[in-house]
PDB file of N, CA and C in Angstrom:
ATOM      1  N   MET A   1      55.460  61.466 -66.637  1.00  0.00           N
ATOM      2  CA  MET A   1      56.017  60.267 -67.268  1.00  0.00           C
ATOM      3  C   MET A   1      54.979  59.769 -68.189  1.00  0.00           C
ATOM      4  N   VAL A   2      55.423  59.350 -69.439  1.00  0.00           N
ATOM      5  CA  VAL A   2      54.618  58.815 -70.489  1.00  0.00           C
ATOM      6  C   VAL A   2      55.012  57.407 -70.637  1.00  0.00           C
ATOM      7  N   ILE A   3      53.918  56.560 -70.632  1.00  0.00           N
ATOM      8  CA  ILE A   3      54.093  55.064 -70.804  1.00  0.00           C
ATOM      9  C   ILE A   3      53.704  54.778 -72.195  1.00  0.00           C
ATOM     10  N   THR A   4      54.659  54.135 -72.939  1.00  0.00           N
ATOM     11  CA  THR A   4      54.391  53.718 -74.290  1.00  0.00           C
ATOM     12  C   THR A   4      54.284  52.177 -74.202  1.00  0.00           C
ATOM     13  N   MET A   5      53.150  51.719 -74.901  1.00  0.00           N
ATOM     14  CA  MET A   5      52.984  50.312 -74.884  1.00  0.00           C
ATOM     15  C   MET A   5      53.439  49.701 -76.265  1.00  0.00           C
ATOM     16  N   ALA A   6      54.212  48.614 -76.238  1.00  0.00           N
ATOM     17  CA  ALA A   6      54.723  48.015 -77.403  1.00  0.00           C
ATOM     18  C   ALA A   6      53.611  47.127 -78.182  1.00  0.00           C
ATOM     19  N   ILE A   7      52.470  47.018 -77.498  1.00  0.00           N
ATOM     20  CA  ILE A   7      51.437  46.181 -78.004  1.00  0.00           C
ATOM     21  C   ILE A   7      50.633  47.066 -79.128  1.00  0.00           C
ATOM     22  N   GLN A   8      50.362  46.454 -80.259  1.00  0.00           N
ATOM     23  CA  GLN A   8      49.586  47.150 -81.247  1.00  0.00           C
ATOM     24  C   GLN A   8      48.069  46.976 -80.900  1.00  0.00           C
ATOM     25  N   GLU A   9      47.311  48.050 -81.264  1.00  0.00           N
ATOM     26  CA  GLU A   9      45.892  47.966 -80.948  1.00  0.00           C
ATOM     27  C   GLU A   9      45.225  46.967 -81.862  1.00  0.00           C
ATOM     28  N   GLY A  10      44.176  46.248 -81.316  1.00  0.00           N
ATOM     29  CA  GLY A  10      43.439  45.339 -82.129  1.00  0.00           C
ATOM     30  C   GLY A  10      44.089  44.008 -82.377  1.00  0.00           C
ATOM     31  N   THR A  11      45.057  43.679 -81.511  1.00  0.00           N
ATOM     32  CA  THR A  11      45.748  42.421 -81.573  1.00  0.00           C
ATOM     33  C   THR A  11      45.377  41.455 -80.480  1.00  0.00           C
ATOM     34  N   PHE A  12      45.726  40.205 -80.686  1.00  0.00           N
ATOM     35  CA  PHE A  12      45.497  39.217 -79.661  1.00  0.00           C
ATOM     36  C   PHE A  12      46.281  39.612 -78.358  1.00  0.00           C
ATOM     37  N   ALA A  13      47.477  40.119 -78.525  1.00  0.00           N
ATOM     38  CA  ALA A  13      48.340  40.591 -77.411  1.00  0.00           C
ATOM     39  C   ALA A  13      47.544  41.679 -76.641  1.00  0.00           C
ATOM     40  N   GLU A  14      46.932  42.536 -77.245  1.00  0.00           N
ATOM     41  CA  GLU A  14      46.199  43.607 -76.546  1.00  0.00           C
ATOM     42  C   GLU A  14      44.992  42.945 -75.810  1.00  0.00           C
ATOM     43  N   ALA A  15      44.334  42.067 -76.469  1.00  0.00           N
ATOM     44  CA  ALA A  15      43.210  41.400 -75.709  1.00  0.00           C
ATOM     45  C   ALA A  15      43.664  40.647 -74.529  1.00  0.00           C
ATOM     46  N   CYS A  16      44.838  39.958 -74.668  1.00  0.00           N
ATOM     47  CA  CYS A  16      45.476  39.173 -73.511  1.00  0.00           C
ATOM     48  C   CYS A  16      45.822  40.188 -72.368  1.00  0.00           C
ATOM     49  N   TYR A  17      46.467  41.274 -72.797  1.00  0.00           N
ATOM     50  CA  TYR A  17      46.869  42.305 -71.797  1.00  0.00           C
ATOM     51  C   TYR A  17      45.742  42.849 -71.007  1.00  0.00           C
ATOM     52  N   ASN A  18      44.675  43.141 -71.707  1.00  0.00           N
ATOM     53  CA  ASN A  18      43.459  43.745 -71.135  1.00  0.00           C
ATOM     54  C   ASN A  18      42.608  42.852 -70.341  1.00  0.00           C
ATOM     55  N   MET A  19      42.655  41.476 -70.678  1.00  0.00           N
ATOM     56  CA  MET A  19      41.587  40.592 -70.104  1.00  0.00           C
ATOM     57  C   MET A  19      42.180  39.535 -69.195  1.00  0.00           C
ATOM     58  N   ASN A  20      43.568  39.488 -68.982  1.00  0.00           N
ATOM     59  CA  ASN A  20      44.093  38.474 -68.213  1.00  0.00           C
ATOM     60  C   ASN A  20      45.143  38.806 -67.261  1.00  0.00           C
ATOM     61  N   SER A  21      45.351  38.052 -66.263  1.00  0.00           N
ATOM     62  CA  SER A  21      46.559  38.245 -65.306  1.00  0.00           C
ATOM     63  C   SER A  21      47.688  37.573 -65.860  1.00  0.00           C
ATOM     64  N   ILE A  22      48.876  37.971 -65.302  1.00  0.00           N
ATOM     65  CA  ILE A  22      50.147  37.312 -65.687  1.00  0.00           C
ATOM     66  C   ILE A  22      50.049  35.768 -65.484  1.00  0.00           C
ATOM     67  N   GLU A  23      49.369  35.415 -64.279  1.00  0.00           N
ATOM     68  CA  GLU A  23      49.264  34.030 -63.935  1.00  0.00           C
ATOM     69  C   GLU A  23      48.483  33.223 -64.987  1.00  0.00           C
ATOM     70  N   GLU A  24      47.325  33.881 -65.341  1.00  0.00           N
ATOM     71  CA  GLU A  24      46.537  33.197 -66.470  1.00  0.00           C
ATOM     72  C   GLU A  24      47.314  33.054 -67.673  1.00  0.00           C
ATOM     73  N   LEU A  25      48.038  34.074 -68.075  1.00  0.00           N
ATOM     74  CA  LEU A  25      48.702  33.942 -69.356  1.00  0.00           C
ATOM     75  C   LEU A  25      49.910  32.999 -69.268  1.00  0.00           C
ATOM     76  N   GLU A  26      50.563  32.905 -68.158  1.00  0.00           N
ATOM     77  CA  GLU A  26      51.632  31.863 -67.940  1.00  0.00           C
ATOM     78  C   GLU A  26      51.057  30.477 -67.965  1.00  0.00           C
ATOM     79  N   ASN A  27      49.850  30.306 -67.331  1.00  0.00           N
ATOM     80  CA  ASN A  27      49.198  29.011 -67.442  1.00  0.00           C
ATOM     81  C   ASN A  27      48.805  28.646 -68.863  1.00  0.00           C
ATOM     82  N   ALA A  28      48.407  29.627 -69.655  1.00  0.00           N
ATOM     83  CA  ALA A  28      48.090  29.372 -71.068  1.00  0.00           C
ATOM     84  C   ALA A  28      49.273  28.800 -71.818  1.00  0.00           C
ATOM     85  N   LEU A  29      50.436  29.442 -71.482  1.00  0.00           N
ATOM     86  CA  LEU A  29      51.654  29.018 -72.166  1.00  0.00           C
ATOM     87  C   LEU A  29      51.996  27.582 -71.839  1.00  0.00           C
ATOM     88  N   GLN A  30      51.757  27.279 -70.614  1.00  0.00           N
ATOM     89  CA  GLN A  30      52.070  25.955 -70.111  1.00  0.00           C
ATOM     90  C   GLN A  30      51.117  24.901 -70.732  1.00  0.00           C
ATOM     91  N   THR A  31      49.897  25.284 -71.003  1.00  0.00           N
ATOM     92  CA  THR A  31      48.846  24.322 -71.437  1.00  0.00           C
ATOM     93  C   THR A  31      49.011  24.168 -72.858  1.00  0.00           C
ATOM     94  N   GLY A  32      49.505  25.196 -73.564  1.00  0.00           N
ATOM     95  CA  GLY A  32      49.715  25.102 -75.033  1.00  0.00           C
ATOM     96  C   GLY A  32      48.656  25.841 -75.839  1.00  0.00           C
ATOM     97  N   ALA A  33      48.983  26.047 -77.050  1.00  0.00           N
ATOM     98  CA  ALA A  33      48.185  26.996 -77.953  1.00  0.00           C
ATOM     99  C   ALA A  33      46.708  26.620 -77.894  1.00  0.00           C
ATOM    100  N   ASP A  34      45.838  27.533 -77.887  1.00  0.00           N
ATOM    101  CA  ASP A  34      44.400  27.391 -77.897  1.00  0.00           C
ATOM    102  C   ASP A  34      43.880  27.486 -79.291  1.00  0.00           C
ATOM    103  N   GLU A  35      43.378  26.325 -79.826  1.00  0.00           N
ATOM    104  CA  GLU A  35      42.900  26.205 -81.195  1.00  0.00           C
ATOM    105  C   GLU A  35      41.867  27.329 -81.518  1.00  0.00           C
ATOM    106  N   SER A  36      40.934  27.568 -80.496  1.00  0.00           N
ATOM    107  CA  SER A  36      39.919  28.606 -80.730  1.00  0.00           C
ATOM    108  C   SER A  36      40.574  30.000 -80.903  1.00  0.00           C
ATOM    109  N   ASP A  37      41.463  30.367 -79.931  1.00  0.00           N
ATOM    110  CA  ASP A  37      42.096  31.674 -80.131  1.00  0.00           C
ATOM    111  C   ASP A  37      42.815  31.779 -81.470  1.00  0.00           C
ATOM    112  N   MET A  38      43.521  30.736 -81.810  1.00  0.00           N
ATOM    113  CA  MET A  38      44.322  30.750 -83.059  1.00  0.00           C
ATOM    114  C   MET A  38      43.364  30.947 -84.288  1.00  0.00           C
ATOM    115  N   LYS A  39      42.244  30.306 -84.243  1.00  0.00           N
ATOM    116  CA  LYS A  39      41.211  30.526 -85.368  1.00  0.00           C
ATOM    117  C   LYS A  39      40.597  31.858 -85.361  1.00  0.00           C
ATOM    118  N   VAL A  40      40.186  32.372 -84.233  1.00  0.00           N
ATOM    119  CA  VAL A  40      39.567  33.641 -84.121  1.00  0.00           C
ATOM    120  C   VAL A  40      40.515  34.779 -84.531  1.00  0.00           C
ATOM    121  N   TRP A  41      41.699  34.653 -84.094  1.00  0.00           N
ATOM    122  CA  TRP A  41      42.750  35.798 -84.377  1.00  0.00           C
ATOM    123  C   TRP A  41      43.587  35.413 -85.537  1.00  0.00           C
ATOM    124  N   ASN A  42      43.437  34.363 -86.216  1.00  0.00           N
ATOM    125  CA  ASN A  42      44.119  33.970 -87.436  1.00  0.00           C
ATOM    126  C   ASN A  42      45.667  33.898 -87.125  1.00  0.00           C
ATOM    127  N   LEU A  43      45.994  33.103 -86.149  1.00  0.00           N
ATOM    128  CA  LEU A  43      47.383  32.963 -85.701  1.00  0.00           C
ATOM    129  C   LEU A  43      47.982  31.585 -85.896  1.00  0.00           C
ATOM    130  N   THR A  44      49.265  31.454 -86.165  1.00  0.00           N
ATOM    131  CA  THR A  44      49.853  30.196 -86.034  1.00  0.00           C
ATOM    132  C   THR A  44      50.269  29.989 -84.594  1.00  0.00           C
ATOM    133  N   GLU A  45      50.581  28.769 -84.261  1.00  0.00           N
ATOM    134  CA  GLU A  45      51.023  28.415 -82.866  1.00  0.00           C
ATOM    135  C   GLU A  45      52.176  29.315 -82.356  1.00  0.00           C
ATOM    136  N   ASP A  46      53.174  29.560 -83.252  1.00  0.00           N
ATOM    137  CA  ASP A  46      54.176  30.450 -82.868  1.00  0.00           C
ATOM    138  C   ASP A  46      53.781  31.873 -82.564  1.00  0.00           C
ATOM    139  N   GLU A  47      52.847  32.321 -83.495  1.00  0.00           N
ATOM    140  CA  GLU A  47      52.334  33.714 -83.234  1.00  0.00           C
ATOM    141  C   GLU A  47      51.516  33.803 -81.977  1.00  0.00           C
ATOM    142  N   TRP A  48      50.753  32.813 -81.663  1.00  0.00           N
ATOM    143  CA  TRP A  48      49.884  32.740 -80.507  1.00  0.00           C
ATOM    144  C   TRP A  48      50.778  32.853 -79.300  1.00  0.00           C
ATOM    145  N   ARG A  49      51.887  32.190 -79.267  1.00  0.00           N
ATOM    146  CA  ARG A  49      52.854  32.095 -78.175  1.00  0.00           C
ATOM    147  C   ARG A  49      53.511  33.471 -78.087  1.00  0.00           C
ATOM    148  N   GLU A  50      53.979  34.086 -79.156  1.00  0.00           N
ATOM    149  CA  GLU A  50      54.685  35.396 -79.197  1.00  0.00           C
ATOM    150  C   GLU A  50      53.654  36.481 -78.638  1.00  0.00           C
ATOM    151  N   GLN A  51      52.435  36.411 -79.049  1.00  0.00           N
ATOM    152  CA  GLN A  51      51.418  37.471 -78.563  1.00  0.00           C
ATOM    153  C   GLN A  51      51.258  37.411 -77.034  1.00  0.00           C
ATOM    154  N   ILE A  52      51.204  36.254 -76.567  1.00  0.00           N
ATOM    155  CA  ILE A  52      51.024  36.030 -75.091  1.00  0.00           C
ATOM    156  C   ILE A  52      52.245  36.501 -74.337  1.00  0.00           C
ATOM    157  N   GLU A  53      53.443  36.133 -74.906  1.00  0.00           N
ATOM    158  CA  GLU A  53      54.652  36.569 -74.234  1.00  0.00           C
ATOM    159  C   GLU A  53      54.815  38.064 -74.299  1.00  0.00           C
ATOM    160  N   THR A  54      54.383  38.799 -75.254  1.00  0.00           N
ATOM    161  CA  THR A  54      54.372  40.159 -75.461  1.00  0.00           C
ATOM    162  C   THR A  54      53.451  40.771 -74.325  1.00  0.00           C
ATOM    163  N   ALA A  55      52.316  40.190 -74.175  1.00  0.00           N
ATOM    164  CA  ALA A  55      51.308  40.671 -73.150  1.00  0.00           C
ATOM    165  C   ALA A  55      51.940  40.588 -71.747  1.00  0.00           C
ATOM    166  N   ILE A  56      52.561  39.394 -71.516  1.00  0.00           N
ATOM    167  CA  ILE A  56      53.118  39.105 -70.219  1.00  0.00           C
ATOM    168  C   ILE A  56      54.187  40.236 -69.988  1.00  0.00           C
ATOM    169  N   LYS A  57      55.122  40.416 -70.930  1.00  0.00           N
ATOM    170  CA  LYS A  57      56.173  41.453 -70.868  1.00  0.00           C
ATOM    171  C   LYS A  57      55.675  42.861 -70.476  1.00  0.00           C
ATOM    172  N   GLU A  58      54.637  43.247 -71.202  1.00  0.00           N
ATOM    173  CA  GLU A  58      53.993  44.548 -70.951  1.00  0.00           C
ATOM    174  C   GLU A  58      53.399  44.637 -69.651  1.00  0.00           C
ATOM    175  N   ILE A  59      52.711  43.643 -69.156  1.00  0.00           N
ATOM    176  CA  ILE A  59      52.010  43.718 -67.852  1.00  0.00           C
ATOM    177  C   ILE A  59      53.115  43.888 -66.826  1.00  0.00           C
ATOM    178  N   LYS A  60      54.222  43.026 -66.930  1.00  0.00           N
ATOM    179  CA  LYS A  60      55.323  43.127 -65.952  1.00  0.00           C
ATOM    180  C   LYS A  60      55.977  44.500 -65.883  1.00  0.00           C
ATOM    181  N   GLU A  61      56.146  45.041 -67.101  1.00  0.00           N
ATOM    182  CA  GLU A  61      56.774  46.480 -67.180  1.00  0.00           C
ATOM    183  C   GLU A  61      55.889  47.538 -66.539  1.00  0.00           C
ATOM    184  N   ASP A  62      54.575  47.323 -66.861  1.00  0.00           N
ATOM    185  CA  ASP A  62      53.575  48.326 -66.202  1.00  0.00           C
ATOM    186  C   ASP A  62      53.366  48.231 -64.807  1.00  0.00           C
ATOM    187  N   THR A  63      53.859  47.035 -64.193  1.00  0.00           N
ATOM    188  CA  THR A  63      53.661  46.923 -62.724  1.00  0.00           C
ATOM    189  C   THR A  63      54.919  47.173 -61.977  1.00  0.00           C
ATOM    190  N   GLU A  64      55.953  47.455 -62.665  1.00  0.00           N
ATOM    191  CA  GLU A  64      57.226  47.748 -62.008  1.00  0.00           C
ATOM    192  C   GLU A  64      57.243  49.040 -61.361  1.00  0.00           C
TER     193      GLU A  64
END
């Protein structure tokens, strides 16, 4: 079985996927966009949210 990940390499979503649990990412969404992350990764608030949602989706799919 080959697992293909929808996350592009070198993105904020990949960093979130590799470095955080689902709970941590869901908490981040509840807290709101992190200005530091947005600056470092050059993201808008909507992009920040989308990247975290992508990471959560991939983690859930990989643990099914």
